[in-house]
Amino acid sequence: IGISDVKFKPAYNPYTEPSMEIFGFSEQLGKWIEVGNSGIFRPEMLLPMGLPENVRVIAWGLSLERPTMIKYGYGNIRDLFGPKVKLSLIEKNPICRFDDPEDD
C-alpha cells in the first residue's frame, strides 16, 4: 500500500496512559496518515474486569480503514463506516486484500 516510513508520536487517550499514535507516510497520497494507536490500559479501566491492580495490559489498534481507503480510492471514512454505508457495497465487492507486491 506504499507505506514504508513510520513514525511514532505521544498521544492522549482516555483509557490508556502512556499512549502513542503510529503514522505512516503514504507515497500515493504524499502525506503522513495515522495507521495505529497504542498504550497501556489505565489500572482503573481494568478493575471492573476483576484484574489485580498490579496487572498491566497493552492496547494496540490498527487503523485498517485508512489503508483500505487508499487502496480503494475512498476520500471519506463515512463511506466505509456508519449509518450511511450502502450495504450493496459490501455485497458486491470481494474481501479487501493487500497483495504482496513480490507476487506480481
C-alpha atoms as a PDB file:
ATOM      1  CA  ILE A   1       0.000   0.000   0.000  1.00  0.00           C
ATOM      2  CA  GLY A   2       3.009   2.279  -0.254  1.00  0.00           C
ATOM      3  CA  ILE A   3       3.791   2.873   3.422  1.00  0.00           C
ATOM      4  CA  SER A   4       7.474   2.368   4.121  1.00  0.00           C
ATOM      5  CA  ASP A   5       8.298   5.187   6.552  1.00  0.00           C
ATOM      6  CA  VAL A   6       6.750   5.002  10.022  1.00  0.00           C
ATOM      7  CA  LYS A   7       6.907   7.423  12.950  1.00  0.00           C
ATOM      8  CA  PHE A   8       5.527   7.401  16.475  1.00  0.00           C
ATOM      9  CA  LYS A   9       4.047  10.316  18.428  1.00  0.00           C
ATOM     10  CA  PRO A  10       2.965  10.594  22.065  1.00  0.00           C
ATOM     11  CA  ALA A  11      -0.805  10.998  22.306  1.00  0.00           C
ATOM     12  CA  TYR A  12      -3.687  11.336  24.740  1.00  0.00           C
ATOM     13  CA  ASN A  13      -6.281   8.582  25.003  1.00  0.00           C
ATOM     14  CA  PRO A  14      -8.749   8.478  27.889  1.00  0.00           C
ATOM     15  CA  TYR A  15      -8.310   4.753  28.507  1.00  0.00           C
ATOM     16  CA  THR A  16      -4.540   4.363  28.173  1.00  0.00           C
ATOM     17  CA  GLU A  17      -1.510   6.074  29.679  1.00  0.00           C
ATOM     18  CA  PRO A  18       1.052   6.456  28.248  1.00  0.00           C
ATOM     19  CA  SER A  19      -0.409   6.462  24.747  1.00  0.00           C
ATOM     20  CA  MET A  20       1.132   6.647  21.297  1.00  0.00           C
ATOM     21  CA  GLU A  21      -0.095   7.208  17.737  1.00  0.00           C
ATOM     22  CA  ILE A  22       1.565   5.498  14.783  1.00  0.00           C
ATOM     23  CA  PHE A  23       1.841   7.296  11.448  1.00  0.00           C
ATOM     24  CA  GLY A  24       2.967   6.025   8.073  1.00  0.00           C
ATOM     25  CA  PHE A  25       3.964   8.077   5.047  1.00  0.00           C
ATOM     26  CA  SER A  26       1.795   7.244   2.043  1.00  0.00           C
ATOM     27  CA  GLU A  27       3.664   7.749  -1.224  1.00  0.00           C
ATOM     28  CA  GLN A  28       0.334   7.525  -3.034  1.00  0.00           C
ATOM     29  CA  LEU A  29      -1.169  10.413  -1.031  1.00  0.00           C
ATOM     30  CA  GLY A  30       2.094  12.250  -0.434  1.00  0.00           C
ATOM     31  CA  LYS A  31       1.389  12.742   3.275  1.00  0.00           C
ATOM     32  CA  TRP A  32       1.558  11.149   6.720  1.00  0.00           C
ATOM     33  CA  ILE A  33      -1.554   9.215   7.780  1.00  0.00           C
ATOM     34  CA  GLU A  34      -2.476   7.630  11.091  1.00  0.00           C
ATOM     35  CA  VAL A  35      -2.194   3.857  10.863  1.00  0.00           C
ATOM     36  CA  GLY A  36      -2.423   2.854  14.507  1.00  0.00           C
ATOM     37  CA  ASN A  37      -2.756   3.725  18.149  1.00  0.00           C
ATOM     38  CA  SER A  38      -1.425   2.095  21.287  1.00  0.00           C
ATOM     39  CA  GLY A  39      -0.907   2.437  25.003  1.00  0.00           C
ATOM     40  CA  ILE A  40      -1.086   0.756  28.388  1.00  0.00           C
ATOM     41  CA  PHE A  41      -4.558   0.496  29.879  1.00  0.00           C
ATOM     42  CA  ARG A  42      -5.056   2.650  32.957  1.00  0.00           C
ATOM     43  CA  PRO A  43      -5.472   0.490  36.108  1.00  0.00           C
ATOM     44  CA  GLU A  44      -8.950   1.876  36.871  1.00  0.00           C
ATOM     45  CA  MET A  45     -10.114   0.568  33.484  1.00  0.00           C
ATOM     46  CA  LEU A  46      -9.088  -2.968  34.419  1.00  0.00           C
ATOM     47  CA  LEU A  47     -10.538  -3.136  37.943  1.00  0.00           C
ATOM     48  CA  PRO A  48     -14.172  -3.701  36.775  1.00  0.00           C
ATOM     49  CA  MET A  49     -12.899  -6.780  34.935  1.00  0.00           C
ATOM     50  CA  GLY A  50     -11.619  -8.230  38.200  1.00  0.00           C
ATOM     51  CA  LEU A  51      -7.938  -7.876  37.320  1.00  0.00           C
ATOM     52  CA  PRO A  52      -5.497  -7.108  40.143  1.00  0.00           C
ATOM     53  CA  GLU A  53      -4.068  -3.573  40.323  1.00  0.00           C
ATOM     54  CA  ASN A  54      -0.555  -4.773  39.525  1.00  0.00           C
ATOM     55  CA  VAL A  55      -1.548  -6.256  36.125  1.00  0.00           C
ATOM     56  CA  ARG A  56      -0.561  -4.207  33.047  1.00  0.00           C
ATOM     57  CA  VAL A  57      -2.400  -4.662  29.745  1.00  0.00           C
ATOM     58  CA  ILE A  58      -1.132  -3.319  26.425  1.00  0.00           C
ATOM     59  CA  ALA A  59      -3.636  -1.890  23.935  1.00  0.00           C
ATOM     60  CA  TRP A  60      -2.906  -1.956  20.205  1.00  0.00           C
ATOM     61  CA  GLY A  61      -5.203  -0.764  17.471  1.00  0.00           C
ATOM     62  CA  LEU A  62      -4.523  -0.711  13.766  1.00  0.00           C
ATOM     63  CA  SER A  63      -6.315   1.813  11.604  1.00  0.00           C
ATOM     64  CA  LEU A  64      -7.122  -0.652   8.859  1.00  0.00           C
ATOM     65  CA  GLU A  65      -9.744   1.680   7.421  1.00  0.00           C
ATOM     66  CA  ARG A  66      -7.094   4.171   6.246  1.00  0.00           C
ATOM     67  CA  PRO A  67      -5.072   1.745   4.114  1.00  0.00           C
ATOM     68  CA  THR A  68      -8.398   0.388   2.825  1.00  0.00           C
ATOM     69  CA  MET A  69      -9.430   3.916   1.837  1.00  0.00           C
ATOM     70  CA  ILE A  70      -6.153   4.361  -0.037  1.00  0.00           C
ATOM     71  CA  LYS A  71      -6.385   1.007  -1.815  1.00  0.00           C
ATOM     72  CA  TYR A  72      -9.963   1.536  -2.974  1.00  0.00           C
ATOM     73  CA  GLY A  73      -9.841   5.313  -3.513  1.00  0.00           C
ATOM     74  CA  TYR A  74     -12.272   6.452  -0.809  1.00  0.00           C
ATOM     75  CA  GLY A  75     -11.928  10.077   0.277  1.00  0.00           C
ATOM     76  CA  ASN A  76     -14.365   9.951   3.190  1.00  0.00           C
ATOM     77  CA  ILE A  77     -14.259   7.410   6.011  1.00  0.00           C
ATOM     78  CA  ARG A  78     -18.058   7.629   6.304  1.00  0.00           C
ATOM     79  CA  ASP A  79     -18.227   5.734   3.006  1.00  0.00           C
ATOM     80  CA  LEU A  80     -16.816   2.711   4.883  1.00  0.00           C
ATOM     81  CA  PHE A  81     -18.306   3.082   8.386  1.00  0.00           C
ATOM     82  CA  GLY A  82     -21.501   4.442   9.856  1.00  0.00           C
ATOM     83  CA  PRO A  83     -25.217   4.631   9.181  1.00  0.00           C
ATOM     84  CA  LYS A  84     -24.871   5.893   5.590  1.00  0.00           C
ATOM     85  CA  VAL A  85     -22.833   2.915   4.334  1.00  0.00           C
ATOM     86  CA  LYS A  86     -24.503   1.263   1.376  1.00  0.00           C
ATOM     87  CA  LEU A  87     -24.830  -2.447   2.088  1.00  0.00           C
ATOM     88  CA  SER A  88     -24.705  -3.136  -1.644  1.00  0.00           C
ATOM     89  CA  LEU A  89     -21.053  -2.050  -1.489  1.00  0.00           C
ATOM     90  CA  ILE A  90     -20.339  -4.930   0.884  1.00  0.00           C
ATOM     91  CA  GLU A  91     -22.416  -7.443  -1.054  1.00  0.00           C
ATOM     92  CA  LYS A  92     -20.889  -6.668  -4.467  1.00  0.00           C
ATOM     93  CA  ASN A  93     -17.193  -6.337  -3.582  1.00  0.00           C
ATOM     94  CA  PRO A  94     -14.627  -9.006  -2.792  1.00  0.00           C
ATOM     95  CA  ILE A  95     -12.811  -9.236   0.516  1.00  0.00           C
ATOM     96  CA  CYS A  96     -10.268  -6.432   0.951  1.00  0.00           C
ATOM     97  CA  ARG A  97      -6.807  -7.850   0.227  1.00  0.00           C
ATOM     98  CA  PHE A  98      -3.391  -6.292   0.249  1.00  0.00           C
ATOM     99  CA  ASP A  99      -1.468  -8.463  -2.160  1.00  0.00           C
ATOM    100  CA  ASP A 100       2.244  -8.984  -1.726  1.00  0.00           C
ATOM    101  CA  PRO A 101       3.967  -6.883  -4.440  1.00  0.00           C
ATOM    102  CA  GLU A 102       6.579  -9.644  -4.800  1.00  0.00           C
ATOM    103  CA  ASP A 103       3.823 -11.993  -6.056  1.00  0.00           C
ATOM    104  CA  ASP A 104       3.153  -9.804  -9.120  1.00  0.00           C
END
